[in-house]
Amino acid sequence: KNTVYLQMNSLKHEDTDVYYCAADLRI
């Protein structure tokens, strides 16, 4: 599906952020 997921559980206030998806061929 050309899709990556991030399941986020037990969220805390400190998790408040802008979340970015990133990719690279060289990792």
mmCIF file of all heavy atoms, coordinates in Angstrom:
data_MODEL
# 
_entry.id   MODEL 
# 
loop_
_atom_site.group_PDB 
_atom_site.id 
_atom_site.type_symbol 
_atom_site.label_atom_id 
_atom_site.label_alt_id 
_atom_site.label_comp_id 
_atom_site.label_asym_id 
_atom_site.label_entity_id 
_atom_site.label_seq_id 
_atom_site.pdbx_PDB_ins_code 
_atom_site.Cartn_x 
_atom_site.Cartn_y 
_atom_site.Cartn_z 
_atom_site.occupancy 
_atom_site.B_iso_or_equiv 
_atom_site.pdbx_formal_charge 
_atom_site.auth_seq_id 
_atom_site.auth_comp_id 
_atom_site.auth_asym_id 
_atom_site.auth_atom_id 
_atom_site.pdbx_PDB_model_num 
ATOM 1   N N   . LYS A 1 1  ? 0.803  -1.211 0.000  1.00 0.00 ? 1  LYS A N   1 
ATOM 2   C CA  . LYS A 1 1  ? 0.000  0.000  0.000  1.00 0.00 ? 1  LYS A CA  1 
ATOM 3   C C   . LYS A 1 1  ? 0.841  1.267  0.000  1.00 0.00 ? 1  LYS A C   1 
ATOM 4   O O   . LYS A 1 1  ? 0.291  2.367  0.100  1.00 0.00 ? 1  LYS A O   1 
ATOM 5   C CB  . LYS A 1 1  ? -0.934 0.016  1.207  1.00 0.00 ? 1  LYS A CB  1 
ATOM 6   C CG  . LYS A 1 1  ? -1.960 -1.105 1.210  1.00 0.00 ? 1  LYS A CG  1 
ATOM 7   C CD  . LYS A 1 1  ? -2.871 -1.001 2.421  1.00 0.00 ? 1  LYS A CD  1 
ATOM 8   C CE  . LYS A 1 1  ? -3.927 -2.087 2.410  1.00 0.00 ? 1  LYS A CE  1 
ATOM 9   N NZ  . LYS A 1 1  ? -4.812 -1.999 3.597  1.00 0.00 ? 1  LYS A NZ  1 
ATOM 10  N N   . ASN A 1 2  ? 2.150  1.129  -0.076 1.00 0.00 ? 2  ASN A N   1 
ATOM 11  C CA  . ASN A 1 2  ? 3.053  2.285  -0.043 1.00 0.00 ? 2  ASN A CA  1 
ATOM 12  C C   . ASN A 1 2  ? 2.792  3.160  1.177  1.00 0.00 ? 2  ASN A C   1 
ATOM 13  O O   . ASN A 1 2  ? 2.789  4.391  1.092  1.00 0.00 ? 2  ASN A O   1 
ATOM 14  C CB  . ASN A 1 2  ? 2.917  3.117  -1.315 1.00 0.00 ? 2  ASN A CB  1 
ATOM 15  C CG  . ASN A 1 2  ? 3.647  2.513  -2.502 1.00 0.00 ? 2  ASN A CG  1 
ATOM 16  O OD1 . ASN A 1 2  ? 4.055  1.351  -2.477 1.00 0.00 ? 2  ASN A OD1 1 
ATOM 17  N ND2 . ASN A 1 2  ? 3.804  3.299  -3.560 1.00 0.00 ? 2  ASN A ND2 1 
ATOM 18  N N   . THR A 1 3  ? 2.597  2.528  2.311  1.00 0.00 ? 3  THR A N   1 
ATOM 19  C CA  . THR A 1 3  ? 2.190  3.251  3.508  1.00 0.00 ? 3  THR A CA  1 
ATOM 20  C C   . THR A 1 3  ? 3.003  2.820  4.720  1.00 0.00 ? 3  THR A C   1 
ATOM 21  O O   . THR A 1 3  ? 3.273  1.634  4.903  1.00 0.00 ? 3  THR A O   1 
ATOM 22  C CB  . THR A 1 3  ? 0.700  3.030  3.797  1.00 0.00 ? 3  THR A CB  1 
ATOM 23  O OG1 . THR A 1 3  ? -0.072 3.440  2.663  1.00 0.00 ? 3  THR A OG1 1 
ATOM 24  C CG2 . THR A 1 3  ? 0.253  3.830  5.005  1.00 0.00 ? 3  THR A CG2 1 
ATOM 25  N N   . VAL A 1 4  ? 3.372  3.795  5.523  1.00 0.00 ? 4  VAL A N   1 
ATOM 26  C CA  . VAL A 1 4  ? 4.002  3.541  6.806  1.00 0.00 ? 4  VAL A CA  1 
ATOM 27  C C   . VAL A 1 4  ? 3.094  4.116  7.887  1.00 0.00 ? 4  VAL A C   1 
ATOM 28  O O   . VAL A 1 4  ? 2.450  5.147  7.680  1.00 0.00 ? 4  VAL A O   1 
ATOM 29  C CB  . VAL A 1 4  ? 5.424  4.141  6.877  1.00 0.00 ? 4  VAL A CB  1 
ATOM 30  C CG1 . VAL A 1 4  ? 5.391  5.659  6.735  1.00 0.00 ? 4  VAL A CG1 1 
ATOM 31  C CG2 . VAL A 1 4  ? 6.119  3.727  8.167  1.00 0.00 ? 4  VAL A CG2 1 
ATOM 32  N N   . TYR A 1 5  ? 3.030  3.440  9.023  1.00 0.00 ? 5  TYR A N   1 
ATOM 33  C CA  . TYR A 1 5  ? 2.145  3.832  10.105 1.00 0.00 ? 5  TYR A CA  1 
ATOM 34  C C   . TYR A 1 5  ? 2.935  4.087  11.382 1.00 0.00 ? 5  TYR A C   1 
ATOM 35  O O   . TYR A 1 5  ? 4.022  3.554  11.589 1.00 0.00 ? 5  TYR A O   1 
ATOM 36  C CB  . TYR A 1 5  ? 1.117  2.739  10.390 1.00 0.00 ? 5  TYR A CB  1 
ATOM 37  C CG  . TYR A 1 5  ? 0.305  2.311  9.197  1.00 0.00 ? 5  TYR A CG  1 
ATOM 38  C CD1 . TYR A 1 5  ? 0.689  1.204  8.443  1.00 0.00 ? 5  TYR A CD1 1 
ATOM 39  C CD2 . TYR A 1 5  ? -0.841 3.001  8.829  1.00 0.00 ? 5  TYR A CD2 1 
ATOM 40  C CE1 . TYR A 1 5  ? -0.057 0.803  7.349  1.00 0.00 ? 5  TYR A CE1 1 
ATOM 41  C CE2 . TYR A 1 5  ? -1.589 2.604  7.738  1.00 0.00 ? 5  TYR A CE2 1 
ATOM 42  C CZ  . TYR A 1 5  ? -1.196 1.509  7.000  1.00 0.00 ? 5  TYR A CZ  1 
ATOM 43  O OH  . TYR A 1 5  ? -1.939 1.107  5.916  1.00 0.00 ? 5  TYR A OH  1 
ATOM 44  N N   . LEU A 1 6  ? 2.348  4.891  12.238 1.00 0.00 ? 6  LEU A N   1 
ATOM 45  C CA  . LEU A 1 6  ? 2.863  5.060  13.586 1.00 0.00 ? 6  LEU A CA  1 
ATOM 46  C C   . LEU A 1 6  ? 1.686  4.936  14.543 1.00 0.00 ? 6  LEU A C   1 
ATOM 47  O O   . LEU A 1 6  ? 0.843  5.831  14.612 1.00 0.00 ? 6  LEU A O   1 
ATOM 48  C CB  . LEU A 1 6  ? 3.554  6.411  13.775 1.00 0.00 ? 6  LEU A CB  1 
ATOM 49  C CG  . LEU A 1 6  ? 4.192  6.625  15.146 1.00 0.00 ? 6  LEU A CG  1 
ATOM 50  C CD1 . LEU A 1 6  ? 5.371  5.672  15.340 1.00 0.00 ? 6  LEU A CD1 1 
ATOM 51  C CD2 . LEU A 1 6  ? 4.654  8.068  15.320 1.00 0.00 ? 6  LEU A CD2 1 
ATOM 52  N N   . GLN A 1 7  ? 1.625  3.820  15.237 1.00 0.00 ? 7  GLN A N   1 
ATOM 53  C CA  . GLN A 1 7  ? 0.606  3.613  16.252 1.00 0.00 ? 7  GLN A CA  1 
ATOM 54  C C   . GLN A 1 7  ? 1.104  4.221  17.551 1.00 0.00 ? 7  GLN A C   1 
ATOM 55  O O   . GLN A 1 7  ? 2.153  3.819  18.058 1.00 0.00 ? 7  GLN A O   1 
ATOM 56  C CB  . GLN A 1 7  ? 0.315  2.129  16.435 1.00 0.00 ? 7  GLN A CB  1 
ATOM 57  C CG  . GLN A 1 7  ? -0.723 1.824  17.503 1.00 0.00 ? 7  GLN A CG  1 
ATOM 58  C CD  . GLN A 1 7  ? -2.093 2.333  17.133 1.00 0.00 ? 7  GLN A CD  1 
ATOM 59  O OE1 . GLN A 1 7  ? -2.546 2.135  16.013 1.00 0.00 ? 7  GLN A OE1 1 
ATOM 60  N NE2 . GLN A 1 7  ? -2.755 3.002  18.073 1.00 0.00 ? 7  GLN A NE2 1 
ATOM 61  N N   . MET A 1 8  ? 0.367  5.168  18.080 1.00 0.00 ? 8  MET A N   1 
ATOM 62  C CA  . MET A 1 8  ? 0.773  5.909  19.254 1.00 0.00 ? 8  MET A CA  1 
ATOM 63  C C   . MET A 1 8  ? -0.205 5.614  20.388 1.00 0.00 ? 8  MET A C   1 
ATOM 64  O O   . MET A 1 8  ? -1.378 5.967  20.311 1.00 0.00 ? 8  MET A O   1 
ATOM 65  C CB  . MET A 1 8  ? 0.812  7.407  18.951 1.00 0.00 ? 8  MET A CB  1 
ATOM 66  C CG  . MET A 1 8  ? 1.655  7.752  17.725 1.00 0.00 ? 8  MET A CG  1 
ATOM 67  S SD  . MET A 1 8  ? 1.401  9.442  17.108 1.00 0.00 ? 8  MET A SD  1 
ATOM 68  C CE  . MET A 1 8  ? 2.065  10.401 18.461 1.00 0.00 ? 8  MET A CE  1 
ATOM 69  N N   . ASN A 1 9  ? 0.289  4.970  21.420 1.00 0.00 ? 9  ASN A N   1 
ATOM 70  C CA  . ASN A 1 9  ? -0.526 4.611  22.573 1.00 0.00 ? 9  ASN A CA  1 
ATOM 71  C C   . ASN A 1 9  ? -0.011 5.313  23.823 1.00 0.00 ? 9  ASN A C   1 
ATOM 72  O O   . ASN A 1 9  ? 1.120  5.775  23.873 1.00 0.00 ? 9  ASN A O   1 
ATOM 73  C CB  . ASN A 1 9  ? -0.513 3.101  22.799 1.00 0.00 ? 9  ASN A CB  1 
ATOM 74  C CG  . ASN A 1 9  ? -1.080 2.321  21.641 1.00 0.00 ? 9  ASN A CG  1 
ATOM 75  O OD1 . ASN A 1 9  ? -1.999 2.768  20.962 1.00 0.00 ? 9  ASN A OD1 1 
ATOM 76  N ND2 . ASN A 1 9  ? -0.549 1.122  21.416 1.00 0.00 ? 9  ASN A ND2 1 
ATOM 77  N N   . SER A 1 10 ? -0.849 5.350  24.834 1.00 0.00 ? 10 SER A N   1 
ATOM 78  C CA  . SER A 1 10 ? -0.488 5.956  26.121 1.00 0.00 ? 10 SER A CA  1 
ATOM 79  C C   . SER A 1 10 ? 0.119  7.334  25.926 1.00 0.00 ? 10 SER A C   1 
ATOM 80  O O   . SER A 1 10 ? 1.179  7.661  26.469 1.00 0.00 ? 10 SER A O   1 
ATOM 81  C CB  . SER A 1 10 ? 0.481  5.041  26.883 1.00 0.00 ? 10 SER A CB  1 
ATOM 82  O OG  . SER A 1 10 ? -0.088 3.773  27.115 1.00 0.00 ? 10 SER A OG  1 
ATOM 83  N N   . LEU A 1 11 ? -0.556 8.156  25.173 1.00 0.00 ? 11 LEU A N   1 
ATOM 84  C CA  . LEU A 1 11 ? -0.019 9.463  24.817 1.00 0.00 ? 11 LEU A CA  1 
ATOM 85  C C   . LEU A 1 11 ? 0.116  10.373 26.026 1.00 0.00 ? 11 LEU A C   1 
ATOM 86  O O   . LEU A 1 11 ? -0.718 10.367 26.933 1.00 0.00 ? 11 LEU A O   1 
ATOM 87  C CB  . LEU A 1 11 ? -0.901 10.121 23.764 1.00 0.00 ? 11 LEU A CB  1 
ATOM 88  C CG  . LEU A 1 11 ? -0.733 9.548  22.348 1.00 0.00 ? 11 LEU A CG  1 
ATOM 89  C CD1 . LEU A 1 11 ? -1.898 9.952  21.469 1.00 0.00 ? 11 LEU A CD1 1 
ATOM 90  C CD2 . LEU A 1 11 ? 0.584  10.025 21.742 1.00 0.00 ? 11 LEU A CD2 1 
ATOM 91  N N   . LYS A 1 12 ? 1.179  11.150 26.001 1.00 0.00 ? 12 LYS A N   1 
ATOM 92  C CA  . LYS A 1 12 ? 1.474  12.115 27.043 1.00 0.00 ? 12 LYS A CA  1 
ATOM 93  C C   . LYS A 1 12 ? 1.462  13.521 26.456 1.00 0.00 ? 12 LYS A C   1 
ATOM 94  O O   . LYS A 1 12 ? 1.624  13.701 25.253 1.00 0.00 ? 12 LYS A O   1 
ATOM 95  C CB  . LYS A 1 12 ? 2.854  11.840 27.658 1.00 0.00 ? 12 LYS A CB  1 
ATOM 96  C CG  . LYS A 1 12 ? 3.059  10.427 28.175 1.00 0.00 ? 12 LYS A CG  1 
ATOM 97  C CD  . LYS A 1 12 ? 4.500  10.227 28.623 1.00 0.00 ? 12 LYS A CD  1 
ATOM 98  C CE  . LYS A 1 12 ? 4.734  8.816  29.121 1.00 0.00 ? 12 LYS A CE  1 
ATOM 99  N NZ  . LYS A 1 12 ? 6.143  8.598  29.526 1.00 0.00 ? 12 LYS A NZ  1 
ATOM 100 N N   . HIS A 1 13 ? 1.300  14.509 27.327 1.00 0.00 ? 13 HIS A N   1 
ATOM 101 C CA  . HIS A 1 13 ? 1.331  15.889 26.867 1.00 0.00 ? 13 HIS A CA  1 
ATOM 102 C C   . HIS A 1 13 ? 2.651  16.205 26.161 1.00 0.00 ? 13 HIS A C   1 
ATOM 103 O O   . HIS A 1 13 ? 2.671  16.988 25.209 1.00 0.00 ? 13 HIS A O   1 
ATOM 104 C CB  . HIS A 1 13 ? 1.118  16.843 28.033 1.00 0.00 ? 13 HIS A CB  1 
ATOM 105 C CG  . HIS A 1 13 ? 1.151  18.284 27.651 1.00 0.00 ? 13 HIS A CG  1 
ATOM 106 N ND1 . HIS A 1 13 ? 0.177  18.861 26.867 1.00 0.00 ? 13 HIS A ND1 1 
ATOM 107 C CD2 . HIS A 1 13 ? 2.050  19.263 27.920 1.00 0.00 ? 13 HIS A CD2 1 
ATOM 108 C CE1 . HIS A 1 13 ? 0.463  20.134 26.678 1.00 0.00 ? 13 HIS A CE1 1 
ATOM 109 N NE2 . HIS A 1 13 ? 1.593  20.405 27.310 1.00 0.00 ? 13 HIS A NE2 1 
ATOM 110 N N   . GLU A 1 14 ? 3.730  15.589 26.627 1.00 0.00 ? 14 GLU A N   1 
ATOM 111 C CA  . GLU A 1 14 ? 5.040  15.812 26.043 1.00 0.00 ? 14 GLU A CA  1 
ATOM 112 C C   . GLU A 1 14 ? 5.152  15.311 24.607 1.00 0.00 ? 14 GLU A C   1 
ATOM 113 O O   . GLU A 1 14 ? 6.107  15.648 23.905 1.00 0.00 ? 14 GLU A O   1 
ATOM 114 C CB  . GLU A 1 14 ? 6.133  15.143 26.887 1.00 0.00 ? 14 GLU A CB  1 
ATOM 115 C CG  . GLU A 1 14 ? 6.159  15.590 28.338 1.00 0.00 ? 14 GLU A CG  1 
ATOM 116 C CD  . GLU A 1 14 ? 5.262  14.729 29.200 1.00 0.00 ? 14 GLU A CD  1 
ATOM 117 O OE1 . GLU A 1 14 ? 5.727  13.666 29.666 1.00 0.00 ? 14 GLU A OE1 1 
ATOM 118 O OE2 . GLU A 1 14 ? 4.095  15.127 29.413 1.00 0.00 ? 14 GLU A OE2 1 
ATOM 119 N N   . ASP A 1 15 ? 4.200  14.497 24.169 1.00 0.00 ? 15 ASP A N   1 
ATOM 120 C CA  . ASP A 1 15 ? 4.193  14.002 22.802 1.00 0.00 ? 15 ASP A CA  1 
ATOM 121 C C   . ASP A 1 15 ? 3.619  15.017 21.824 1.00 0.00 ? 15 ASP A C   1 
ATOM 122 O O   . ASP A 1 15 ? 3.603  14.757 20.614 1.00 0.00 ? 15 ASP A O   1 
ATOM 123 C CB  . ASP A 1 15 ? 3.396  12.704 22.703 1.00 0.00 ? 15 ASP A CB  1 
ATOM 124 C CG  . ASP A 1 15 ? 4.016  11.577 23.503 1.00 0.00 ? 15 ASP A CG  1 
ATOM 125 O OD1 . ASP A 1 15 ? 5.262  11.439 23.483 1.00 0.00 ? 15 ASP A OD1 1 
ATOM 126 O OD2 . ASP A 1 15 ? 3.256  10.827 24.150 1.00 0.00 ? 15 ASP A OD2 1 
ATOM 127 N N   . THR A 1 16 ? 3.134  16.142 22.306 1.00 0.00 ? 16 THR A N   1 
ATOM 128 C CA  . THR A 1 16 ? 2.564  17.167 21.446 1.00 0.00 ? 16 THR A CA  1 
ATOM 129 C C   . THR A 1 16 ? 3.643  17.753 20.539 1.00 0.00 ? 16 THR A C   1 
ATOM 130 O O   . THR A 1 16 ? 4.589  18.379 21.012 1.00 0.00 ? 16 THR A O   1 
ATOM 131 C CB  . THR A 1 16 ? 1.926  18.277 22.285 1.00 0.00 ? 16 THR A CB  1 
ATOM 132 O OG1 . THR A 1 16 ? 0.827  17.743 23.024 1.00 0.00 ? 16 THR A OG1 1 
ATOM 133 C CG2 . THR A 1 16 ? 1.424  19.403 21.392 1.00 0.00 ? 16 THR A CG2 1 
ATOM 134 N N   . ASP A 1 17 ? 3.487  17.531 19.255 1.00 0.00 ? 17 ASP A N   1 
ATOM 135 C CA  . ASP A 1 17 ? 4.474  17.961 18.272 1.00 0.00 ? 17 ASP A CA  1 
ATOM 136 C C   . ASP A 1 17 ? 3.857  17.853 16.884 1.00 0.00 ? 17 ASP A C   1 
ATOM 137 O O   . ASP A 1 17 ? 2.778  17.276 16.709 1.00 0.00 ? 17 ASP A O   1 
ATOM 138 C CB  . ASP A 1 17 ? 5.731  17.072 18.306 1.00 0.00 ? 17 ASP A CB  1 
ATOM 139 C CG  . ASP A 1 17 ? 6.673  17.391 19.431 1.00 0.00 ? 17 ASP A CG  1 
ATOM 140 O OD1 . ASP A 1 17 ? 7.050  18.562 19.592 1.00 0.00 ? 17 ASP A OD1 1 
ATOM 141 O OD2 . ASP A 1 17 ? 7.067  16.448 20.157 1.00 0.00 ? 17 ASP A OD2 1 
ATOM 142 N N   . VAL A 1 18 ? 4.562  18.404 15.907 1.00 0.00 ? 18 VAL A N   1 
ATOM 143 C CA  . VAL A 1 18 ? 4.274  18.100 14.521 1.00 0.00 ? 18 VAL A CA  1 
ATOM 144 C C   . VAL A 1 18 ? 5.061  16.852 14.164 1.00 0.00 ? 18 VAL A C   1 
ATOM 145 O O   . VAL A 1 18 ? 6.276  16.794 14.367 1.00 0.00 ? 18 VAL A O   1 
ATOM 146 C CB  . VAL A 1 18 ? 4.652  19.257 13.575 1.00 0.00 ? 18 VAL A CB  1 
ATOM 147 C CG1 . VAL A 1 18 ? 4.417  18.863 12.125 1.00 0.00 ? 18 VAL A CG1 1 
ATOM 148 C CG2 . VAL A 1 18 ? 3.851  20.502 13.923 1.00 0.00 ? 18 VAL A CG2 1 
ATOM 149 N N   . TYR A 1 19 ? 4.385  15.856 13.650 1.00 0.00 ? 19 TYR A N   1 
ATOM 150 C CA  . TYR A 1 19 ? 5.012  14.594 13.310 1.00 0.00 ? 19 TYR A CA  1 
ATOM 151 C C   . TYR A 1 19 ? 5.216  14.511 11.808 1.00 0.00 ? 19 TYR A C   1 
ATOM 152 O O   . TYR A 1 19 ? 4.291  14.750 11.025 1.00 0.00 ? 19 TYR A O   1 
ATOM 153 C CB  . TYR A 1 19 ? 4.155  13.425 13.798 1.00 0.00 ? 19 TYR A CB  1 
ATOM 154 C CG  . TYR A 1 19 ? 4.266  13.214 15.282 1.00 0.00 ? 19 TYR A CG  1 
ATOM 155 C CD1 . TYR A 1 19 ? 3.652  14.088 16.169 1.00 0.00 ? 19 TYR A CD1 1 
ATOM 156 C CD2 . TYR A 1 19 ? 5.008  12.161 15.801 1.00 0.00 ? 19 TYR A CD2 1 
ATOM 157 C CE1 . TYR A 1 19 ? 3.776  13.923 17.537 1.00 0.00 ? 19 TYR A CE1 1 
ATOM 158 C CE2 . TYR A 1 19 ? 5.135  11.982 17.165 1.00 0.00 ? 19 TYR A CE2 1 
ATOM 159 C CZ  . TYR A 1 19 ? 4.516  12.867 18.030 1.00 0.00 ? 19 TYR A CZ  1 
ATOM 160 O OH  . TYR A 1 19 ? 4.640  12.687 19.389 1.00 0.00 ? 19 TYR A OH  1 
ATOM 161 N N   . TYR A 1 20 ? 6.431  14.167 11.429 1.00 0.00 ? 20 TYR A N   1 
ATOM 162 C CA  . TYR A 1 20 ? 6.815  14.102 10.032 1.00 0.00 ? 20 TYR A CA  1 
ATOM 163 C C   . TYR A 1 20 ? 7.159  12.678 9.629  1.00 0.00 ? 20 TYR A C   1 
ATOM 164 O O   . TYR A 1 20 ? 7.819  11.950 10.375 1.00 0.00 ? 20 TYR A O   1 
ATOM 165 C CB  . TYR A 1 20 ? 8.034  14.985 9.757  1.00 0.00 ? 20 TYR A CB  1 
ATOM 166 C CG  . TYR A 1 20 ? 7.806  16.458 9.969  1.00 0.00 ? 20 TYR A CG  1 
ATOM 167 C CD1 . TYR A 1 20 ? 8.006  17.040 11.210 1.00 0.00 ? 20 TYR A CD1 1 
ATOM 168 C CD2 . TYR A 1 20 ? 7.388  17.266 8.913  1.00 0.00 ? 20 TYR A CD2 1 
ATOM 169 C CE1 . TYR A 1 20 ? 7.798  18.395 11.401 1.00 0.00 ? 20 TYR A CE1 1 
ATOM 170 C CE2 . TYR A 1 20 ? 7.184  18.619 9.101  1.00 0.00 ? 20 TYR A CE2 1 
ATOM 171 C CZ  . TYR A 1 20 ? 7.391  19.176 10.348 1.00 0.00 ? 20 TYR A CZ  1 
ATOM 172 O OH  . TYR A 1 20 ? 7.190  20.527 10.534 1.00 0.00 ? 20 TYR A OH  1 
ATOM 173 N N   . CYS A 1 21 ? 6.732  12.323 8.458  1.00 0.00 ? 21 CYS A N   1 
ATOM 174 C CA  . CYS A 1 21 ? 7.160  11.101 7.811  1.00 0.00 ? 21 CYS A CA  1 
ATOM 175 C C   . CYS A 1 21 ? 8.412  11.411 7.000  1.00 0.00 ? 21 CYS A C   1 
ATOM 176 O O   . CYS A 1 21 ? 8.493  12.447 6.347  1.00 0.00 ? 21 CYS A O   1 
ATOM 177 C CB  . CYS A 1 21 ? 6.042  10.582 6.909  1.00 0.00 ? 21 CYS A CB  1 
ATOM 178 S SG  . CYS A 1 21 ? 6.429  9.088  5.984  1.00 0.00 ? 21 CYS A SG  1 
ATOM 179 N N   . ALA A 1 22 ? 9.392  10.529 7.048  1.00 0.00 ? 22 ALA A N   1 
ATOM 180 C CA  . ALA A 1 22 ? 10.639 10.750 6.337  1.00 0.00 ? 22 ALA A CA  1 
ATOM 181 C C   . ALA A 1 22 ? 11.107 9.464  5.675  1.00 0.00 ? 22 ALA A C   1 
ATOM 182 O O   . ALA A 1 22 ? 10.775 8.361  6.122  1.00 0.00 ? 22 ALA A O   1 
ATOM 183 C CB  . ALA A 1 22 ? 11.721 11.265 7.287  1.00 0.00 ? 22 ALA A CB  1 
ATOM 184 N N   . ALA A 1 23 ? 11.890 9.614  4.619  1.00 0.00 ? 23 ALA A N   1 
ATOM 185 C CA  . ALA A 1 23 ? 12.366 8.468  3.857  1.00 0.00 ? 23 ALA A CA  1 
ATOM 186 C C   . ALA A 1 23 ? 13.755 8.726  3.316  1.00 0.00 ? 23 ALA A C   1 
ATOM 187 O O   . ALA A 1 23 ? 14.158 9.867  3.098  1.00 0.00 ? 23 ALA A O   1 
ATOM 188 C CB  . ALA A 1 23 ? 11.410 8.174  2.698  1.00 0.00 ? 23 ALA A CB  1 
ATOM 189 N N   . ASP A 1 24 ? 14.476 7.651  3.099  1.00 0.00 ? 24 ASP A N   1 
ATOM 190 C CA  . ASP A 1 24 ? 15.776 7.745  2.458  1.00 0.00 ? 24 ASP A CA  1 
ATOM 191 C C   . ASP A 1 24 ? 16.188 6.377  1.947  1.00 0.00 ? 24 ASP A C   1 
ATOM 192 O O   . ASP A 1 24 ? 15.799 5.351  2.512  1.00 0.00 ? 24 ASP A O   1 
ATOM 193 C CB  . ASP A 1 24 ? 16.838 8.289  3.411  1.00 0.00 ? 24 ASP A CB  1 
ATOM 194 C CG  . ASP A 1 24 ? 17.975 8.978  2.665  1.00 0.00 ? 24 ASP A CG  1 
ATOM 195 O OD1 . ASP A 1 24 ? 18.901 8.265  2.215  1.00 0.00 ? 24 ASP A OD1 1 
ATOM 196 O OD2 . ASP A 1 24 ? 17.919 10.205 2.536  1.00 0.00 ? 24 ASP A OD2 1 
ATOM 197 N N   . LEU A 1 25 ? 16.984 6.388  0.889  1.00 0.00 ? 25 LEU A N   1 
ATOM 198 C CA  . LEU A 1 25 ? 17.475 5.155  0.281  1.00 0.00 ? 25 LEU A CA  1 
ATOM 199 C C   . LEU A 1 25 ? 18.744 4.644  0.928  1.00 0.00 ? 25 LEU A C   1 
ATOM 200 O O   . LEU A 1 25 ? 19.106 3.485  0.730  1.00 0.00 ? 25 LEU A O   1 
ATOM 201 C CB  . LEU A 1 25 ? 17.735 5.369  -1.215 1.00 0.00 ? 25 LEU A CB  1 
ATOM 202 C CG  . LEU A 1 25 ? 16.535 5.644  -2.109 1.00 0.00 ? 25 LEU A CG  1 
ATOM 203 C CD1 . LEU A 1 25 ? 17.012 6.071  -3.486 1.00 0.00 ? 25 LEU A CD1 1 
ATOM 204 C CD2 . LEU A 1 25 ? 15.654 4.405  -2.198 1.00 0.00 ? 25 LEU A CD2 1 
ATOM 205 N N   . ARG A 1 26 ? 19.417 5.494  1.706  1.00 0.00 ? 26 ARG A N   1 
ATOM 206 C CA  . ARG A 1 26 ? 20.764 5.189  2.163  1.00 0.00 ? 26 ARG A CA  1 
ATOM 207 C C   . ARG A 1 26 ? 20.865 4.763  3.610  1.00 0.00 ? 26 ARG A C   1 
ATOM 208 O O   . ARG A 1 26 ? 21.961 4.591  4.131  1.00 0.00 ? 26 ARG A O   1 
ATOM 209 C CB  . ARG A 1 26 ? 21.663 6.413  1.931  1.00 0.00 ? 26 ARG A CB  1 
ATOM 210 C CG  . ARG A 1 26 ? 21.707 6.897  0.490  1.00 0.00 ? 26 ARG A CG  1 
ATOM 211 C CD  . ARG A 1 26 ? 22.378 8.238  0.402  1.00 0.00 ? 26 ARG A CD  1 
ATOM 212 N NE  . ARG A 1 26 ? 21.636 9.250  1.144  1.00 0.00 ? 26 ARG A NE  1 
ATOM 213 C CZ  . ARG A 1 26 ? 22.057 10.491 1.368  1.00 0.00 ? 26 ARG A CZ  1 
ATOM 214 N NH1 . ARG A 1 26 ? 23.243 10.879 0.914  1.00 0.00 ? 26 ARG A NH1 1 
ATOM 215 N NH2 . ARG A 1 26 ? 21.308 11.342 2.044  1.00 0.00 ? 26 ARG A NH2 1 
ATOM 216 N N   . ILE A 1 27 ? 19.743 4.599  4.278  1.00 0.00 ? 27 ILE A N   1 
ATOM 217 C CA  . ILE A 1 27 ? 19.746 4.265  5.691  1.00 0.00 ? 27 ILE A CA  1 
ATOM 218 C C   . ILE A 1 27 ? 20.226 2.835  5.898  1.00 0.00 ? 27 ILE A C   1 
ATOM 219 O O   . ILE A 1 27 ? 19.828 1.913  5.178  1.00 0.00 ? 27 ILE A O   1 
ATOM 220 C CB  . ILE A 1 27 ? 18.356 4.449  6.303  1.00 0.00 ? 27 ILE A CB  1 
ATOM 221 C CG1 . ILE A 1 27 ? 17.856 5.877  6.058  1.00 0.00 ? 27 ILE A CG1 1 
ATOM 222 C CG2 . ILE A 1 27 ? 18.364 4.132  7.788  1.00 0.00 ? 27 ILE A CG2 1 
ATOM 223 C CD1 . ILE A 1 27 ? 18.726 6.938  6.687  1.00 0.00 ? 27 ILE A CD1 1 
# 
